[in-house]
Amino acid sequence: MDNPLGLIELLAVVVVCGVLLFTALNRIANSPDRLARSDGRRWLPVTLLGGVVTLTAAMPVVSVLSAGEPRDLHVTIRARQYAYDPPVIRVRQGDLLHLRLKSQDVLHGFYLEGYDVNAEIRPASRLIRVSHPSKGDGWSEEEEIVIVAAKAGKFHYRCSHTCGFLHPFMSGELIVEPNHLYHAGLSASAALFLGFIILIAGNKRNGTSSSETPNRDSGDISA
């Protein structure tokens, strides 16, 4: 796993679940009301909370396993008037992306938003000219553009060199899917909150029931 922050979040969720479940069991074990403690319904909130804990702990693990290791992807983008093929590229956050750019007709440009990459694609050439606008560096000739998809979201790429009448409409989209562990963490937090509410409601209900139960050991001592 190359995501240490995600591992910390996972461990934190498991620890919180364990502490919450241990606290609930300890309160019931030390309750002075044995009659209420012997009632099977007393354990219903804890049973429900145990299920929530198990589900909560499993969700991040499944998410991490489904995400897998970052991939090494090679994609060839073919430019022509006035479109890119493919028009949409989907990757996962953390993937290493190798972009090879080819022109099928005239000189085209390639500017990728959010990743500070600009390129010129010349027809009948295996080399492309690459620059990084924010750094102010010059052009360099490369066979491919290599980037790490570190940012999640949607990023447009567009032609940065006038190639004809419909040049402004020549664009594509890079979609970087986010880290699924984040969504699992949100779901885990919601599940923990729900489990805590169920536990409190169950304790209050059982406490009210036990307070209304008459003392079975008392008898009528009136003459």
Protein backbone atom coordinates (compact mmCIF):
# COMPACT_ATOMS: atom_id res chain seq x y z
CA MET A 1 0.00 0.00 0.00
CA ASP A 2 1.47 3.31 -1.12
CA ASN A 3 -0.96 5.46 0.83
CA PRO A 4 0.29 5.84 4.43
CA LEU A 5 -2.35 8.44 5.23
CA GLY A 6 -5.06 5.99 4.21
CA LEU A 7 -3.52 3.33 6.45
CA ILE A 8 -3.58 5.73 9.40
CA GLU A 9 -7.26 6.51 8.72
CA LEU A 10 -8.03 2.80 8.57
CA LEU A 11 -6.30 2.10 11.88
CA ALA A 12 -8.05 5.07 13.49
CA VAL A 13 -11.47 3.76 12.43
CA VAL A 14 -10.72 0.29 13.81
CA VAL A 15 -9.42 1.69 17.13
CA VAL A 16 -12.46 3.96 17.58
CA CYS A 17 -14.80 1.05 16.82
CA GLY A 18 -13.03 -1.14 19.35
CA VAL A 19 -13.07 1.49 22.08
CA LEU A 20 -16.75 2.18 21.54
CA LEU A 21 -17.69 -1.50 21.67
CA PHE A 22 -15.50 -2.12 24.74
CA THR A 23 -17.13 0.82 26.53
CA ALA A 24 -20.60 -0.52 25.83
CA LEU A 25 -19.74 -4.02 27.08
CA ASN A 26 -18.05 -2.64 30.18
CA ARG A 27 -21.07 -0.53 31.10
CA ILE A 28 -23.37 -3.52 30.85
CA ALA A 29 -21.03 -5.83 32.76
CA ASN A 30 -20.75 -3.35 35.66
CA SER A 31 -24.43 -2.47 35.77
CA PRO A 32 -25.93 -2.98 39.29
CA ASP A 33 -29.28 -3.86 37.79
CA ARG A 34 -28.87 -7.61 37.27
CA LEU A 35 -32.47 -8.09 36.32
CA ALA A 36 -32.09 -5.67 33.40
CA ARG A 37 -28.70 -7.15 32.54
CA SER A 38 -30.16 -10.64 32.33
CA ASP A 39 -32.85 -9.45 29.95
CA GLY A 40 -31.88 -10.45 26.37
CA ARG A 41 -33.16 -7.15 25.06
CA ARG A 42 -30.44 -5.43 27.04
CA TRP A 43 -27.90 -6.82 24.57
CA LEU A 44 -29.75 -5.72 21.45
CA PRO A 45 -28.01 -2.32 21.15
CA VAL A 46 -24.61 -3.94 21.64
CA THR A 47 -25.41 -6.60 19.03
CA LEU A 48 -26.42 -3.93 16.55
CA LEU A 49 -23.33 -1.90 17.38
CA GLY A 50 -21.15 -4.98 16.93
CA GLY A 51 -22.55 -5.40 13.43
CA VAL A 52 -21.89 -1.74 12.69
CA VAL A 53 -18.33 -2.09 13.99
CA THR A 54 -17.68 -5.11 11.78
CA LEU A 55 -19.11 -3.40 8.71
CA THR A 56 -17.24 -0.19 9.46
CA ALA A 57 -13.91 -1.95 9.85
CA ALA A 58 -14.42 -4.02 6.71
CA MET A 59 -15.38 -1.17 4.38
CA PRO A 60 -11.96 0.57 4.30
CA VAL A 61 -10.20 -2.78 3.89
CA VAL A 62 -12.36 -3.71 0.90
CA SER A 63 -11.85 -0.23 -0.52
CA VAL A 64 -8.07 -0.46 -0.27
CA LEU A 65 -7.99 -3.94 -1.80
CA SER A 66 -10.25 -2.89 -4.67
CA ALA A 67 -8.14 0.18 -5.37
CA GLY A 68 -5.00 -1.91 -5.86
CA GLU A 69 -1.49 -0.64 -6.46
CA PRO A 70 -0.84 2.39 -8.69
CA ARG A 71 -0.63 1.36 -12.33
CA ASP A 72 1.87 2.15 -15.07
CA LEU A 73 -0.34 3.21 -17.99
CA HIS A 74 0.67 3.92 -21.60
CA VAL A 75 -1.81 5.93 -23.64
CA THR A 76 -1.47 7.13 -27.24
CA ILE A 77 -3.45 10.27 -28.07
CA ARG A 78 -4.02 10.94 -31.77
CA ALA A 79 -4.78 14.52 -32.74
CA ARG A 80 -6.65 15.56 -35.90
CA GLN A 81 -8.83 18.45 -36.94
CA TYR A 82 -10.66 19.00 -34.61
CA ALA A 83 -10.62 16.25 -32.02
CA TYR A 84 -8.48 14.00 -29.88
CA ASP A 85 -8.71 10.24 -29.86
CA PRO A 86 -9.44 9.13 -27.19
CA PRO A 87 -11.55 12.12 -26.12
CA VAL A 88 -11.70 10.87 -22.50
CA ILE A 89 -8.98 9.17 -20.46
CA ARG A 90 -9.84 7.54 -17.13
CA VAL A 91 -7.16 6.73 -14.55
CA ARG A 92 -6.89 6.21 -10.81
CA GLN A 93 -5.26 8.62 -8.44
CA GLY A 94 -1.60 7.70 -8.08
CA ASP A 95 -1.26 6.08 -11.51
CA LEU A 96 1.86 6.80 -13.56
CA LEU A 97 0.70 7.99 -16.96
CA HIS A 98 2.79 7.84 -20.15
CA LEU A 99 1.26 9.97 -22.89
CA ARG A 100 2.38 9.54 -26.50
CA LEU A 101 1.05 12.24 -28.81
CA LYS A 102 0.67 11.86 -32.58
CA SER A 103 -0.73 14.20 -35.24
CA GLN A 104 -2.66 12.74 -38.14
CA ASP A 105 -2.80 15.91 -40.24
CA VAL A 106 -1.40 19.32 -39.19
CA LEU A 107 0.55 20.85 -36.31
CA HIS A 108 -1.44 20.62 -33.09
CA GLY A 109 -0.94 21.61 -29.50
CA PHE A 110 -1.68 19.79 -26.25
CA TYR A 111 -2.18 21.65 -22.97
CA LEU A 112 -3.23 19.64 -19.90
CA GLU A 113 -4.91 21.73 -17.22
CA GLY A 114 -3.82 21.16 -13.64
CA TYR A 115 -0.56 19.43 -14.54
CA ASP A 116 1.44 22.29 -16.08
CA VAL A 117 2.11 20.49 -19.36
CA ASN A 118 2.13 22.03 -22.82
CA ALA A 119 3.23 20.28 -26.01
CA GLU A 120 3.47 20.69 -29.75
CA ILE A 121 2.57 17.70 -31.90
CA ARG A 122 4.14 17.66 -35.32
CA PRO A 123 2.84 15.43 -38.08
CA ALA A 124 5.03 12.54 -39.19
CA SER A 125 7.30 12.91 -36.13
CA ARG A 126 7.74 10.55 -33.21
CA LEU A 127 9.09 13.41 -31.05
CA ILE A 128 7.02 16.14 -29.41
CA ARG A 129 8.09 19.49 -28.02
CA VAL A 130 7.26 19.81 -24.32
CA SER A 131 7.34 22.76 -21.93
CA HIS A 132 6.09 23.63 -18.46
CA PRO A 133 4.54 27.14 -18.57
CA SER A 134 4.62 27.86 -14.84
CA LYS A 135 8.35 27.14 -14.68
CA GLY A 136 9.14 29.38 -17.63
CA ASP A 137 11.49 26.80 -19.10
CA GLY A 138 12.11 26.34 -22.81
CA TRP A 139 11.01 23.58 -25.11
CA SER A 140 12.50 20.12 -24.96
CA GLU A 141 12.00 17.26 -27.38
CA GLU A 142 10.57 14.12 -25.84
CA GLU A 143 9.05 10.86 -27.00
CA GLU A 144 6.33 10.98 -24.38
CA ILE A 145 4.92 12.98 -21.49
CA VAL A 146 5.15 11.27 -18.10
CA ILE A 147 2.98 12.48 -15.23
CA VAL A 148 1.75 11.10 -11.92
CA ALA A 149 -2.01 11.45 -11.58
CA ALA A 150 -1.67 12.90 -8.10
CA LYS A 151 -4.72 15.15 -8.27
CA ALA A 152 -8.21 13.73 -8.33
CA GLY A 153 -10.81 15.37 -10.52
CA LYS A 154 -11.55 16.25 -14.13
CA PHE A 155 -8.87 18.00 -16.18
CA HIS A 156 -9.37 19.23 -19.71
CA TYR A 157 -6.73 19.00 -22.37
CA ARG A 158 -7.02 21.27 -25.37
CA CYS A 159 -5.20 22.25 -28.50
CA SER A 160 -2.80 25.08 -27.70
CA HIS A 161 -1.81 25.76 -31.30
CA THR A 162 -4.20 27.24 -33.85
CA CYS A 163 -4.99 24.43 -36.25
CA GLY A 164 -7.99 25.71 -38.16
CA PHE A 165 -11.42 27.29 -38.00
CA LEU A 166 -12.81 25.02 -35.27
CA HIS A 167 -9.61 25.05 -33.22
CA PRO A 168 -11.31 26.42 -30.03
CA PHE A 169 -13.52 23.31 -29.87
CA MET A 170 -10.69 20.79 -29.96
CA SER A 171 -10.46 19.37 -26.44
CA GLY A 172 -10.56 16.22 -24.34
CA GLU A 173 -10.81 15.23 -20.69
CA LEU A 174 -8.60 13.41 -18.20
CA ILE A 175 -10.63 11.92 -15.35
CA VAL A 176 -8.66 10.96 -12.27
CA GLU A 177 -10.80 8.85 -9.97
CA PRO A 178 -10.42 9.77 -6.31
CA ASN A 179 -9.10 7.66 -3.45
CA HIS A 180 -11.99 5.35 -2.49
CA LEU A 181 -10.74 5.20 1.10
CA TYR A 182 -11.97 8.77 1.60
CA HIS A 183 -15.54 7.77 0.79
CA ALA A 184 -15.21 4.67 2.95
CA GLY A 185 -14.10 6.90 5.81
CA LEU A 186 -17.17 9.10 5.43
CA SER A 187 -19.43 6.03 5.41
CA ALA A 188 -17.61 4.64 8.46
CA SER A 189 -18.11 7.90 10.35
CA ALA A 190 -21.83 7.86 9.58
CA ALA A 191 -22.09 4.21 10.65
CA LEU A 192 -20.29 4.92 13.93
CA PHE A 193 -22.58 7.85 14.66
CA LEU A 194 -25.68 5.73 13.98
CA GLY A 195 -24.37 2.92 16.16
CA PHE A 196 -23.68 5.33 19.02
CA ILE A 197 -27.22 6.74 18.80
CA ILE A 198 -28.67 3.21 18.85
CA LEU A 199 -26.60 2.35 21.92
CA ILE A 200 -27.69 5.43 23.84
CA ALA A 201 -31.35 4.94 22.92
CA GLY A 202 -31.19 1.30 24.01
CA ASN A 203 -29.60 2.15 27.36
CA LYS A 204 -32.20 4.83 28.07
CA ARG A 205 -35.05 2.48 27.18
CA ASN A 206 -33.70 -0.32 29.38
CA GLY A 207 -33.04 2.11 32.21
CA THR A 208 -36.63 3.32 32.08
CA SER A 209 -37.97 -0.24 32.01
CA SER A 210 -35.90 -1.30 35.02
CA SER A 211 -36.97 1.72 37.06
CA GLU A 212 -40.62 0.83 36.46
CA THR A 213 -40.14 -2.86 37.48
CA PRO A 214 -41.55 -3.51 40.99
CA ASN A 215 -39.29 -5.01 43.67
CA ARG A 216 -40.07 -8.73 43.59
CA ASP A 217 -38.50 -9.29 47.03
CA SER A 218 -40.84 -6.90 48.78
CA GLY A 219 -44.07 -8.24 50.25
CA ASP A 220 -47.20 -6.93 51.92
CA ILE A 221 -46.40 -6.68 55.63
CA SER A 222 -49.61 -4.99 56.57
CA ALA A 223 -51.72 -6.82 59.11
